[in-house]
PDB file of N, CA and C in Angstrom:
ATOM      1  N   MET A   1       0.817  -1.185   0.000  1.00  0.00           N
ATOM      2  CA  MET A   1       0.000   0.000   0.000  1.00  0.00           C
ATOM      3  C   MET A   1       0.868   1.259   0.000  1.00  0.00           C
ATOM      4  N   PHE A   2       1.888   1.268   0.860  1.00  0.00           N
ATOM      5  CA  PHE A   2       2.771   2.432   0.950  1.00  0.00           C
ATOM      6  C   PHE A   2       3.503   2.676  -0.375  1.00  0.00           C
ATOM      7  N   VAL A   3       3.990   1.622  -0.992  1.00  0.00           N
ATOM      8  CA  VAL A   3       4.703   1.747  -2.266  1.00  0.00           C
ATOM      9  C   VAL A   3       3.773   2.320  -3.332  1.00  0.00           C
ATOM     10  N   ARG A   4       2.550   1.855  -3.360  1.00  0.00           N
ATOM     11  CA  ARG A   4       1.577   2.344  -4.334  1.00  0.00           C
ATOM     12  C   ARG A   4       1.316   3.841  -4.125  1.00  0.00           C
ATOM     13  N   LEU A   5       1.214   4.267  -2.880  1.00  0.00           N
ATOM     14  CA  LEU A   5       0.996   5.675  -2.560  1.00  0.00           C
ATOM     15  C   LEU A   5       2.191   6.521  -3.009  1.00  0.00           C
ATOM     16  N   VAL A   6       3.386   6.065  -2.724  1.00  0.00           N
ATOM     17  CA  VAL A   6       4.593   6.788  -3.125  1.00  0.00           C
ATOM     18  C   VAL A   6       4.676   6.896  -4.648  1.00  0.00           C
ATOM     19  N   LEU A   7       4.408   5.820  -5.340  1.00  0.00           N
ATOM     20  CA  LEU A   7       4.434   5.849  -6.799  1.00  0.00           C
ATOM     21  C   LEU A   7       3.395   6.811  -7.349  1.00  0.00           C
ATOM     22  N   SER A   8       2.225   6.843  -6.747  1.00  0.00           N
ATOM     23  CA  SER A   8       1.183   7.778  -7.190  1.00  0.00           C
ATOM     24  C   SER A   8       1.631   9.218  -7.013  1.00  0.00           C
ATOM     25  N   VAL A   9       2.237   9.520  -5.896  1.00  0.00           N
ATOM     26  CA  VAL A   9       2.722  10.885  -5.636  1.00  0.00           C
ATOM     27  C   VAL A   9       3.805  11.261  -6.642  1.00  0.00           C
ATOM     28  N   VAL A  10       4.705  10.345  -6.922  1.00  0.00           N
ATOM     29  CA  VAL A  10       5.769  10.608  -7.888  1.00  0.00           C
ATOM     30  C   VAL A  10       5.187  10.856  -9.275  1.00  0.00           C
ATOM     31  N   VAL A  11       4.261  10.042  -9.713  1.00  0.00           N
ATOM     32  CA  VAL A  11       3.644  10.206 -11.033  1.00  0.00           C
ATOM     33  C   VAL A  11       2.933  11.551 -11.128  1.00  0.00           C
ATOM     34  N   VAL A  12       2.171  11.902 -10.106  1.00  0.00           N
ATOM     35  CA  VAL A  12       1.472  13.189 -10.112  1.00  0.00           C
ATOM     36  C   VAL A  12       2.487  14.328 -10.137  1.00  0.00           C
ATOM     37  N   GLY A  13       3.518  14.226  -9.333  1.00  0.00           N
ATOM     38  CA  GLY A  13       4.551  15.269  -9.293  1.00  0.00           C
ATOM     39  C   GLY A  13       5.232  15.454 -10.634  1.00  0.00           C
ATOM     40  N   LEU A  14       5.575  14.369 -11.288  1.00  0.00           N
ATOM     41  CA  LEU A  14       6.205  14.468 -12.609  1.00  0.00           C
ATOM     42  C   LEU A  14       5.253  15.041 -13.640  1.00  0.00           C
ATOM     43  N   SER A  15       3.998  14.651 -13.579  1.00  0.00           N
ATOM     44  CA  SER A  15       3.002  15.173 -14.520  1.00  0.00           C
ATOM     45  C   SER A  15       2.821  16.668 -14.344  1.00  0.00           C
ATOM     46  N   VAL A  16       2.741  17.118 -13.115  1.00  0.00           N
ATOM     47  CA  VAL A  16       2.566  18.540 -12.845  1.00  0.00           C
ATOM     48  C   VAL A  16       3.792  19.316 -13.292  1.00  0.00           C
ATOM     49  N   SER A  17       4.995  18.813 -13.000  1.00  0.00           N
ATOM     50  CA  SER A  17       6.202  19.537 -13.394  1.00  0.00           C
ATOM     51  C   SER A  17       6.326  19.586 -14.915  1.00  0.00           C
ATOM     52  N   TRP A  18       5.937  18.521 -15.601  1.00  0.00           N
ATOM     53  CA  TRP A  18       5.973  18.539 -17.068  1.00  0.00           C
ATOM     54  C   TRP A  18       4.992  19.578 -17.592  1.00  0.00           C
ATOM     55  N   ALA A  19       3.798  19.625 -17.034  1.00  0.00           N
ATOM     56  CA  ALA A  19       2.794  20.590 -17.479  1.00  0.00           C
ATOM     57  C   ALA A  19       3.262  22.016 -17.219  1.00  0.00           C
ATOM     58  N   LEU A  20       3.857  22.260 -16.064  1.00  0.00           N
ATOM     59  CA  LEU A  20       4.356  23.605 -15.768  1.00  0.00           C
ATOM     60  C   LEU A  20       5.488  23.988 -16.713  1.00  0.00           C
ATOM     61  N   ALA A  21       6.306  23.028 -17.076  1.00  0.00           N
ATOM     62  CA  ALA A  21       7.412  23.317 -17.993  1.00  0.00           C
ATOM     63  C   ALA A  21       6.904  23.711 -19.364  1.00  0.00           C
ATOM     64  N   GLN A  22       5.670  23.368 -19.693  1.00  0.00           N
ATOM     65  CA  GLN A  22       5.117  23.687 -21.002  1.00  0.00           C
ATOM     66  C   GLN A  22       4.151  24.870 -20.954  1.00  0.00           C
ATOM     67  N   SER A  23       4.194  25.675 -19.909  1.00  0.00           N
ATOM     68  CA  SER A  23       3.198  26.720 -19.737  1.00  0.00           C
ATOM     69  C   SER A  23       3.676  28.117 -20.132  1.00  0.00           C
ATOM     70  N   TYR A  24       4.775  28.231 -20.843  1.00  0.00           N
ATOM     71  CA  TYR A  24       5.271  29.540 -21.257  1.00  0.00           C
ATOM     72  C   TYR A  24       4.437  30.059 -22.421  1.00  0.00           C
ATOM     73  N   SER A  25       3.714  31.132 -22.191  1.00  0.00           N
ATOM     74  CA  SER A  25       2.932  31.709 -23.275  1.00  0.00           C
ATOM     75  C   SER A  25       3.609  32.988 -23.728  1.00  0.00           C
ATOM     76  N   GLY A  26       3.521  33.237 -25.006  1.00  0.00           N
ATOM     77  CA  GLY A  26       4.150  34.426 -25.550  1.00  0.00           C
ATOM     78  C   GLY A  26       3.459  34.874 -26.818  1.00  0.00           C
ATOM     79  N   ASN A  27       3.861  36.025 -27.287  1.00  0.00           N
ATOM     80  CA  ASN A  27       3.319  36.623 -28.498  1.00  0.00           C
ATOM     81  C   ASN A  27       4.205  36.215 -29.679  1.00  0.00           C
ATOM     82  N   THR A  28       3.667  35.381 -30.546  1.00  0.00           N
ATOM     83  CA  THR A  28       4.442  34.842 -31.660  1.00  0.00           C
ATOM     84  C   THR A  28       4.936  35.928 -32.601  1.00  0.00           C
ATOM     85  N   LYS A  29       4.101  36.910 -32.900  1.00  0.00           N
ATOM     86  CA  LYS A  29       4.505  37.985 -33.827  1.00  0.00           C
ATOM     87  C   LYS A  29       5.667  38.789 -33.253  1.00  0.00           C
ATOM     88  N   ASN A  30       5.589  39.137 -31.980  1.00  0.00           N
ATOM     89  CA  ASN A  30       6.689  39.864 -31.350  1.00  0.00           C
ATOM     90  C   ASN A  30       7.930  38.979 -31.291  1.00  0.00           C
ATOM     91  N   GLY A  31       7.735  37.690 -31.003  1.00  0.00           N
ATOM     92  CA  GLY A  31       8.851  36.747 -30.980  1.00  0.00           C
ATOM     93  C   GLY A  31       9.542  36.642 -32.326  1.00  0.00           C
ATOM     94  N   GLU A  32       8.767  36.651 -33.400  1.00  0.00           N
ATOM     95  CA  GLU A  32       9.347  36.601 -34.746  1.00  0.00           C
ATOM     96  C   GLU A  32      10.184  37.853 -35.012  1.00  0.00           C
ATOM     97  N   ARG A  33       9.667  39.007 -34.612  1.00  0.00           N
ATOM     98  CA  ARG A  33      10.399  40.264 -34.809  1.00  0.00           C
ATOM     99  C   ARG A  33      11.731  40.239 -34.054  1.00  0.00           C
ATOM    100  N   ILE A  34      11.693  39.806 -32.809  1.00  0.00           N
ATOM    101  CA  ILE A  34      12.917  39.734 -32.000  1.00  0.00           C
ATOM    102  C   ILE A  34      13.878  38.702 -32.572  1.00  0.00           C
ATOM    103  N   PHE A  35      13.356  37.540 -32.961  1.00  0.00           N
ATOM    104  CA  PHE A  35      14.188  36.477 -33.536  1.00  0.00           C
ATOM    105  C   PHE A  35      14.902  36.977 -34.791  1.00  0.00           C
ATOM    106  N   GLN A  36      14.166  37.632 -35.688  1.00  0.00           N
ATOM    107  CA  GLN A  36      14.778  38.121 -36.924  1.00  0.00           C
ATOM    108  C   GLN A  36      15.834  39.189 -36.636  1.00  0.00           C
ATOM    109  N   GLN A  37      15.601  39.986 -35.616  1.00  0.00           N
ATOM    110  CA  GLN A  37      16.531  41.061 -35.273  1.00  0.00           C
ATOM    111  C   GLN A  37      17.787  40.545 -34.566  1.00  0.00           C
ATOM    112  N   HIS A  38      17.632  39.612 -33.634  1.00  0.00           N
ATOM    113  CA  HIS A  38      18.753  39.208 -32.783  1.00  0.00           C
ATOM    114  C   HIS A  38      19.268  37.787 -33.005  1.00  0.00           C
ATOM    115  N   CYS A  39      18.475  36.906 -33.563  1.00  0.00           N
ATOM    116  CA  CYS A  39      18.822  35.483 -33.602  1.00  0.00           C
ATOM    117  C   CYS A  39      19.120  34.946 -34.999  1.00  0.00           C
ATOM    118  N   ALA A  40      18.506  35.542 -36.016  1.00  0.00           N
ATOM    119  CA  ALA A  40      18.603  34.998 -37.378  1.00  0.00           C
ATOM    120  C   ALA A  40      20.023  35.025 -37.925  1.00  0.00           C
ATOM    121  N   GLY A  41      20.860  35.913 -37.432  1.00  0.00           N
ATOM    122  CA  GLY A  41      22.241  35.962 -37.907  1.00  0.00           C
ATOM    123  C   GLY A  41      22.958  34.637 -37.722  1.00  0.00           C
ATOM    124  N   CYS A  42      22.670  33.954 -36.646  1.00  0.00           N
ATOM    125  CA  CYS A  42      23.274  32.641 -36.388  1.00  0.00           C
ATOM    126  C   CYS A  42      22.315  31.497 -36.717  1.00  0.00           C
ATOM    127  N   HIS A  43      21.076  31.610 -36.246  1.00  0.00           N
ATOM    128  CA  HIS A  43      20.124  30.504 -36.378  1.00  0.00           C
ATOM    129  C   HIS A  43      19.386  30.483 -37.710  1.00  0.00           C
ATOM    130  N   GLY A  44      19.604  31.472 -38.567  1.00  0.00           N
ATOM    131  CA  GLY A  44      18.930  31.524 -39.861  1.00  0.00           C
ATOM    132  C   GLY A  44      17.534  32.097 -39.739  1.00  0.00           C
ATOM    133  N   THR A  45      17.036  32.678 -40.806  1.00  0.00           N
ATOM    134  CA  THR A  45      15.719  33.306 -40.770  1.00  0.00           C
ATOM    135  C   THR A  45      14.593  32.299 -40.554  1.00  0.00           C
ATOM    136  N   THR A  46      14.844  31.032 -40.874  1.00  0.00           N
ATOM    137  CA  THR A  46      13.824  29.994 -40.681  1.00  0.00           C
ATOM    138  C   THR A  46      14.166  29.050 -39.528  1.00  0.00           C
ATOM    139  N   GLY A  47      15.181  29.398 -38.713  1.00  0.00           N
ATOM    140  CA  GLY A  47      15.545  28.572 -37.573  1.00  0.00           C
ATOM    141  C   GLY A  47      16.323  27.324 -37.921  1.00  0.00           C
ATOM    142  N   ASP A  48      16.872  27.261 -39.134  1.00  0.00           N
ATOM    143  CA  ASP A  48      17.584  26.060 -39.586  1.00  0.00           C
ATOM    144  C   ASP A  48      19.060  26.022 -39.200  1.00  0.00           C
ATOM    145  N   GLY A  49      19.536  27.041 -38.470  1.00  0.00           N
ATOM    146  CA  GLY A  49      20.930  27.064 -38.047  1.00  0.00           C
ATOM    147  C   GLY A  49      21.900  27.503 -39.124  1.00  0.00           C
ATOM    148  N   LEU A  50      21.391  28.055 -40.214  1.00  0.00           N
ATOM    149  CA  LEU A  50      22.245  28.423 -41.346  1.00  0.00           C
ATOM    150  C   LEU A  50      22.247  29.936 -41.583  1.00  0.00           C
ATOM    151  N   GLY A  51      22.431  30.692 -40.514  1.00  0.00           N
ATOM    152  CA  GLY A  51      22.501  32.140 -40.638  1.00  0.00           C
ATOM    153  C   GLY A  51      23.811  32.583 -41.255  1.00  0.00           C
ATOM    154  N   PRO A  52      23.891  33.819 -41.724  1.00  0.00           N
ATOM    155  CA  PRO A  52      25.098  34.311 -42.402  1.00  0.00           C
ATOM    156  C   PRO A  52      26.329  34.388 -41.503  1.00  0.00           C
ATOM    157  N   GLU A  53      26.174  34.370 -40.198  1.00  0.00           N
ATOM    158  CA  GLU A  53      27.319  34.478 -39.292  1.00  0.00           C
ATOM    159  C   GLU A  53      27.938  33.138 -38.925  1.00  0.00           C
ATOM    160  N   ILE A  54      27.420  32.022 -39.442  1.00  0.00           N
ATOM    161  CA  ILE A  54      27.917  30.710 -39.009  1.00  0.00           C
ATOM    162  C   ILE A  54      29.354  30.445 -39.434  1.00  0.00           C
ATOM    163  N   LYS A  55      29.782  31.082 -40.488  1.00  0.00           N
ATOM    164  CA  LYS A  55      31.163  30.838 -40.936  1.00  0.00           C
ATOM    165  C   LYS A  55      32.183  31.324 -39.916  1.00  0.00           C
ATOM    166  N   GLU A  56      31.774  32.187 -38.992  1.00  0.00           N
ATOM    167  CA  GLU A  56      32.660  32.710 -37.954  1.00  0.00           C
ATOM    168  C   GLU A  56      32.589  31.905 -36.662  1.00  0.00           C
ATOM    169  N   LEU A  57      31.733  30.908 -36.605  1.00  0.00           N
ATOM    170  CA  LEU A  57      31.522  30.150 -35.370  1.00  0.00           C
ATOM    171  C   LEU A  57      32.213  28.796 -35.418  1.00  0.00           C
ATOM    172  N   ILE A  58      32.830  28.418 -34.317  1.00  0.00           N
ATOM    173  CA  ILE A  58      33.453  27.096 -34.210  1.00  0.00           C
ATOM    174  C   ILE A  58      32.380  26.051 -33.915  1.00  0.00           C
ATOM    175  N   VAL A  59      31.475  26.373 -33.011  1.00  0.00           N
ATOM    176  CA  VAL A  59      30.367  25.483 -32.667  1.00  0.00           C
ATOM    177  C   VAL A  59      29.148  25.959 -33.447  1.00  0.00           C
ATOM    178  N   PRO A  60      28.545  25.091 -34.240  1.00  0.00           N
ATOM    179  CA  PRO A  60      27.387  25.526 -35.034  1.00  0.00           C
ATOM    180  C   PRO A  60      26.194  25.873 -34.152  1.00  0.00           C
ATOM    181  N   PRO A  61      25.400  26.851 -34.571  1.00  0.00           N
ATOM    182  CA  PRO A  61      24.207  27.206 -33.802  1.00  0.00           C
ATOM    183  C   PRO A  61      23.126  26.141 -33.935  1.00  0.00           C
ATOM    184  N   ALA A  62      22.176  26.191 -33.025  1.00  0.00           N
ATOM    185  CA  ALA A  62      21.084  25.219 -33.035  1.00  0.00           C
ATOM    186  C   ALA A  62      20.260  25.326 -34.312  1.00  0.00           C
ATOM    187  N   ASN A  63      19.921  24.164 -34.848  1.00  0.00           N
ATOM    188  CA  ASN A  63      18.961  24.058 -35.936  1.00  0.00           C
ATOM    189  C   ASN A  63      17.647  23.649 -35.293  1.00  0.00           C
ATOM    190  N   PHE A  64      16.775  24.627 -35.060  1.00  0.00           N
ATOM    191  CA  PHE A  64      15.527  24.357 -34.354  1.00  0.00           C
ATOM    192  C   PHE A  64      14.573  23.482 -35.147  1.00  0.00           C
ATOM    193  N   ARG A  65      14.875  23.237 -36.404  1.00  0.00           N
ATOM    194  CA  ARG A  65      14.028  22.353 -37.217  1.00  0.00           C
ATOM    195  C   ARG A  65      14.403  20.885 -37.040  1.00  0.00           C
ATOM    196  N   ALA A  66      15.540  20.632 -36.391  1.00  0.00           N
ATOM    197  CA  ALA A  66      15.984  19.256 -36.139  1.00  0.00           C
ATOM    198  C   ALA A  66      15.064  18.601 -35.108  1.00  0.00           C
ATOM    199  N   PRO A  67      14.804  17.309 -35.266  1.00  0.00           N
ATOM    200  CA  PRO A  67      13.889  16.611 -34.361  1.00  0.00           C
ATOM    201  C   PRO A  67      14.240  16.746 -32.878  1.00  0.00           C
ATOM    202  N   LYS A  68      15.515  16.838 -32.531  1.00  0.00           N
ATOM    203  CA  LYS A  68      15.872  16.880 -31.111  1.00  0.00           C
ATOM    204  C   LYS A  68      15.330  18.119 -30.403  1.00  0.00           C
ATOM    205  N   TYR A  69      15.052  19.182 -31.133  1.00  0.00           N
ATOM    206  CA  TYR A  69      14.515  20.389 -30.492  1.00  0.00           C
ATOM    207  C   TYR A  69      13.026  20.266 -30.194  1.00  0.00           C
ATOM    208  N   ARG A  70      12.379  19.286 -30.773  1.00  0.00           N
ATOM    209  CA  ARG A  70      10.973  19.036 -30.454  1.00  0.00           C
ATOM    210  C   ARG A  70      10.835  18.344 -29.103  1.00  0.00           C
ATOM    211  N   THR A  71      11.894  17.683 -28.647  1.00  0.00           N
ATOM    212  CA  THR A  71      11.847  16.987 -27.365  1.00  0.00           C
ATOM    213  C   THR A  71      12.307  17.868 -26.208  1.00  0.00           C
ATOM    214  N   LYS A  72      12.873  19.011 -26.501  1.00  0.00           N
ATOM    215  CA  LYS A  72      13.291  19.928 -25.440  1.00  0.00           C
ATOM    216  C   LYS A  72      12.058  20.610 -24.861  1.00  0.00           C
ATOM    217  N   THR A  73      12.028  20.704 -23.547  1.00  0.00           N
ATOM    218  CA  THR A  73      10.904  21.361 -22.908  1.00  0.00           C
ATOM    219  C   THR A  73      11.010  22.872 -23.123  1.00  0.00           C
ATOM    220  N   ASP A  74       9.908  23.551 -22.888  1.00  0.00           N
ATOM    221  CA  ASP A  74       9.935  25.010 -22.952  1.00  0.00           C
ATOM    222  C   ASP A  74      10.939  25.568 -21.946  1.00  0.00           C
ATOM    223  N   MET A  75      11.044  24.932 -20.792  1.00  0.00           N
ATOM    224  CA  MET A  75      12.002  25.374 -19.779  1.00  0.00           C
ATOM    225  C   MET A  75      13.429  25.248 -20.312  1.00  0.00           C
ATOM    226  N   ASP A  76      13.750  24.159 -20.993  1.00  0.00           N
ATOM    227  CA  ASP A  76      15.084  23.995 -21.587  1.00  0.00           C
ATOM    228  C   ASP A  76      15.392  25.140 -22.537  1.00  0.00           C
ATOM    229  N   LEU A  77      14.456  25.412 -23.443  1.00  0.00           N
ATOM    230  CA  LEU A  77      14.673  26.471 -24.430  1.00  0.00           C
ATOM    231  C   LEU A  77      14.708  27.845 -23.768  1.00  0.00           C
ATOM    232  N   TYR A  78      13.813  28.073 -22.830  1.00  0.00           N
ATOM    233  CA  TYR A  78      13.758  29.350 -22.124  1.00  0.00           C
ATOM    234  C   TYR A  78      15.091  29.643 -21.432  1.00  0.00           C
ATOM    235  N   LEU A  79      15.613  28.657 -20.704  1.00  0.00           N
ATOM    236  CA  LEU A  79      16.880  28.855 -19.995  1.00  0.00           C
ATOM    237  C   LEU A  79      18.050  29.007 -20.961  1.00  0.00           C
ATOM    238  N   GLY A  80      18.013  28.312 -22.090  1.00  0.00           N
ATOM    239  CA  GLY A  80      19.055  28.471 -23.096  1.00  0.00           C
ATOM    240  C   GLY A  80      19.091  29.893 -23.645  1.00  0.00           C
ATOM    241  N   ILE A  81      17.926  30.455 -23.873  1.00  0.00           N
ATOM    242  CA  ILE A  81      17.848  31.833 -24.367  1.00  0.00           C
ATOM    243  C   ILE A  81      18.256  32.804 -23.260  1.00  0.00           C
ATOM    244  N   LYS A  82      17.751  32.595 -22.086  1.00  0.00           N
ATOM    245  CA  LYS A  82      17.989  33.524 -20.975  1.00  0.00           C
ATOM    246  C   LYS A  82      19.432  33.494 -20.488  1.00  0.00           C
ATOM    247  N   ARG A  83      19.976  32.298 -20.269  1.00  0.00           N
ATOM    248  CA  ARG A  83      21.307  32.155 -19.657  1.00  0.00           C
ATOM    249  C   ARG A  83      22.423  31.819 -20.638  1.00  0.00           C
ATOM    250  N   GLY A  84      22.057  31.368 -21.843  1.00  0.00           N
ATOM    251  CA  GLY A  84      23.058  30.947 -22.802  1.00  0.00           C
ATOM    252  C   GLY A  84      23.318  29.452 -22.704  1.00  0.00           C
ATOM    253  N   VAL A  85      24.196  28.963 -23.565  1.00  0.00           N
ATOM    254  CA  VAL A  85      24.523  27.535 -23.601  1.00  0.00           C
ATOM    255  C   VAL A  85      26.027  27.393 -23.401  1.00  0.00           C
ATOM    256  N   LEU A  86      26.395  26.679 -22.357  1.00  0.00           N
ATOM    257  CA  LEU A  86      27.791  26.478 -21.994  1.00  0.00           C
ATOM    258  C   LEU A  86      28.575  25.837 -23.134  1.00  0.00           C
ATOM    259  N   PHE A  87      29.791  26.293 -23.332  1.00  0.00           N
ATOM    260  CA  PHE A  87      30.705  25.782 -24.361  1.00  0.00           C
ATOM    261  C   PHE A  87      30.169  25.974 -25.775  1.00  0.00           C
ATOM    262  N   SER A  88      29.426  27.045 -25.973  1.00  0.00           N
ATOM    263  CA  SER A  88      28.932  27.381 -27.306  1.00  0.00           C
ATOM    264  C   SER A  88      28.943  28.901 -27.443  1.00  0.00           C
ATOM    265  N   PRO A  89      28.788  29.377 -28.662  1.00  0.00           N
ATOM    266  CA  PRO A  89      28.731  30.836 -28.831  1.00  0.00           C
ATOM    267  C   PRO A  89      27.382  31.436 -28.426  1.00  0.00           C
ATOM    268  N   MET A  90      26.443  30.621 -28.003  1.00  0.00           N
ATOM    269  CA  MET A  90      25.129  31.119 -27.594  1.00  0.00           C
ATOM    270  C   MET A  90      25.244  31.768 -26.218  1.00  0.00           C
ATOM    271  N   HIS A  91      25.224  33.087 -26.230  1.00  0.00           N
ATOM    272  CA  HIS A  91      25.289  33.827 -24.971  1.00  0.00           C
ATOM    273  C   HIS A  91      23.882  34.062 -24.447  1.00  0.00           C
ATOM    274  N   GLY A  92      23.781  34.375 -23.182  1.00  0.00           N
ATOM    275  CA  GLY A  92      22.486  34.642 -22.586  1.00  0.00           C
ATOM    276  C   GLY A  92      21.954  36.012 -22.983  1.00  0.00           C
ATOM    277  N   TRP A  93      20.650  36.108 -23.008  1.00  0.00           N
ATOM    278  CA  TRP A  93      19.978  37.349 -23.397  1.00  0.00           C
ATOM    279  C   TRP A  93      19.268  38.021 -22.240  1.00  0.00           C
ATOM    280  N   ALA A  94      19.479  37.551 -21.022  1.00  0.00           N
ATOM    281  CA  ALA A  94      18.783  38.102 -19.856  1.00  0.00           C
ATOM    282  C   ALA A  94      19.046  39.584 -19.662  1.00  0.00           C
ATOM    283  N   ASP A  95      20.207  40.052 -20.090  1.00  0.00           N
ATOM    284  CA  ASP A  95      20.527  41.471 -19.900  1.00  0.00           C
ATOM    285  C   ASP A  95      19.986  42.359 -21.030  1.00  0.00           C
ATOM    286  N   ARG A  96      19.429  41.745 -22.077  1.00  0.00           N
ATOM    287  CA  ARG A  96      18.914  42.526 -23.202  1.00  0.00           C
ATOM    288  C   ARG A  96      17.442  42.310 -23.501  1.00  0.00           C
ATOM    289  N   LEU A  97      16.919  41.176 -23.081  1.00  0.00           N
ATOM    290  CA  LEU A  97      15.507  40.875 -23.330  1.00  0.00           C
ATOM    291  C   LEU A  97      14.795  40.659 -22.000  1.00  0.00           C
ATOM    292  N   SER A  98      13.572  41.132 -21.919  1.00  0.00           N
ATOM    293  CA  SER A  98      12.758  40.881 -20.727  1.00  0.00           C
ATOM    294  C   SER A  98      12.310  39.418 -20.722  1.00  0.00           C
ATOM    295  N   ASP A  99      11.821  38.966 -19.580  1.00  0.00           N
ATOM    296  CA  ASP A  99      11.300  37.596 -19.515  1.00  0.00           C
ATOM    297  C   ASP A  99      10.168  37.401 -20.517  1.00  0.00           C
ATOM    298  N   GLN A 100       9.317  38.400 -20.681  1.00  0.00           N
ATOM    299  CA  GLN A 100       8.219  38.291 -21.644  1.00  0.00           C
ATOM    300  C   GLN A 100       8.754  38.205 -23.071  1.00  0.00           C
ATOM    301  N   GLU A 101       9.776  38.983 -23.400  1.00  0.00           N
ATOM    302  CA  GLU A 101      10.353  38.915 -24.752  1.00  0.00           C
ATOM    303  C   GLU A 101      10.995  37.552 -24.997  1.00  0.00           C
ATOM    304  N   ILE A 102      11.619  36.972 -23.973  1.00  0.00           N
ATOM    305  CA  ILE A 102      12.187  35.629 -24.111  1.00  0.00           C
ATOM    306  C   ILE A 102      11.062  34.619 -24.349  1.00  0.00           C
ATOM    307  N   ARG A 103       9.947  34.748 -23.630  1.00  0.00           N
ATOM    308  CA  ARG A 103       8.795  33.864 -23.860  1.00  0.00           C
ATOM    309  C   ARG A 103       8.235  34.054 -25.271  1.00  0.00           C
ATOM    310  N   ASP A 104       8.257  35.304 -25.765  1.00  0.00           N
ATOM    311  CA  ASP A 104       7.789  35.568 -27.125  1.00  0.00           C
ATOM    312  C   ASP A 104       8.666  34.848 -28.145  1.00  0.00           C
ATOM    313  N   VAL A 105       9.989  34.935 -27.975  1.00  0.00           N
ATOM    314  CA  VAL A 105      10.915  34.241 -28.884  1.00  0.00           C
ATOM    315  C   VAL A 105      10.708  32.740 -28.794  1.00  0.00           C
ATOM    316  N   LEU A 106      10.570  32.228 -27.593  1.00  0.00           N
ATOM    317  CA  LEU A 106      10.313  30.801 -27.397  1.00  0.00           C
ATOM    318  C   LEU A 106       9.040  30.378 -28.124  1.00  0.00           C
ATOM    319  N   ASN A 107       8.010  31.175 -28.015  1.00  0.00           N
ATOM    320  CA  ASN A 107       6.750  30.875 -28.694  1.00  0.00           C
ATOM    321  C   ASN A 107       6.953  30.852 -30.213  1.00  0.00           C
ATOM    322  N   TYR A 108       7.763  31.753 -30.734  1.00  0.00           N
ATOM    323  CA  TYR A 108       8.054  31.759 -32.170  1.00  0.00           C
ATOM    324  C   TYR A 108       8.859  30.516 -32.567  1.00  0.00           C
ATOM    325  N   ILE A 109       9.849  30.149 -31.773  1.00  0.00           N
ATOM    326  CA  ILE A 109      10.642  28.945 -32.064  1.00  0.00           C
ATOM    327  C   ILE A 109       9.721  27.720 -32.120  1.00  0.00           C
ATOM    328  N   ARG A 110       8.710  27.688 -31.281  1.00  0.00           N
ATOM    329  CA  ARG A 110       7.776  26.561 -31.277  1.00  0.00           C
ATOM    330  C   ARG A 110       6.957  26.476 -32.567  1.00  0.00           C
ATOM    331  N   THR A 111       6.921  27.519 -33.386  1.00  0.00           N
ATOM    332  CA  THR A 111       6.197  27.412 -34.664  1.00  0.00           C
ATOM    333  C   THR A 111       6.915  26.472 -35.615  1.00  0.00           C
ATOM    334  N   PHE A 112       8.243  26.330 -35.490  1.00  0.00           N
ATOM    335  CA  PHE A 112       8.947  25.363 -36.335  1.00  0.00           C
ATOM    336  C   PHE A 112       9.553  24.214 -35.536  1.00  0.00           C
ATOM    337  N   ALA A 113       9.361  24.212 -34.246  1.00  0.00           N
ATOM    338  CA  ALA A 113       9.810  23.098 -33.405  1.00  0.00           C
ATOM    339  C   ALA A 113       8.747  22.819 -32.347  1.00  0.00           C
ATOM    340  N   PRO A 114       7.554  22.357 -32.763  1.00  0.00           N
ATOM    341  CA  PRO A 114       6.511  22.083 -31.774  1.00  0.00           C
ATOM    342  C   PRO A 114       6.942  20.977 -30.816  1.00  0.00           C
ATOM    343  N   PHE A 115       6.589  21.143 -29.557  1.00  0.00           N
ATOM    344  CA  PHE A 115       6.990  20.173 -28.540  1.00  0.00           C
ATOM    345  C   PHE A 115       6.386  18.814 -28.802  1.00  0.00           C
ATOM    346  N   ASN A 116       7.237  17.791 -28.763  1.00  0.00           N
ATOM    347  CA  ASN A 116       6.811  16.401 -28.905  1.00  0.00           C
ATOM    348  C   ASN A 116       7.764  15.564 -28.060  1.00  0.00           C
ATOM    349  N   PRO A 117       7.383  15.208 -26.835  1.00  0.00           N
ATOM    350  CA  PRO A 117       8.289  14.508 -25.936  1.00  0.00           C
ATOM    351  C   PRO A 117       8.761  13.145 -26.445  1.00  0.00           C
ATOM    352  N   LEU A 118       8.078  12.611 -27.441  1.00  0.00           N
ATOM    353  CA  LEU A 118       8.474  11.308 -27.979  1.00  0.00           C
ATOM    354  C   LEU A 118       9.359  11.426 -29.209  1.00  0.00           C
ATOM    355  N   GLY A 119       9.653  12.653 -29.599  1.00  0.00           N
ATOM    356  CA  GLY A 119      10.537  12.875 -30.750  1.00  0.00           C
ATOM    357  C   GLY A 119       9.779  12.945 -31.983  1.00  0.00           C
TER     358      GLY A 119
END
């Protein structure tokens, strides 16, 4: 009985945390404007990772159209935009974009990388 109760609590906890991780709402149009202004140079205008600045980068930028970005949670993407990605040229934008603007960009990225936890 105790094991069943613990497993139920764990399942509910994981379900709630997954749902919260997917609750970032943003303005897609504003996100597109910000993405084209600040992100397209590296990530490409369509999010394919083929922006004009890639020839200067040692580590290639993310191709958001790749299947692996569909399995990343909104929290993963949000933190990558906000704090940057370690050992890559992706710097954090927390000092230049508000939390709402980061959510807007995330919402725009989801137009070509819709979340699918199963890949």
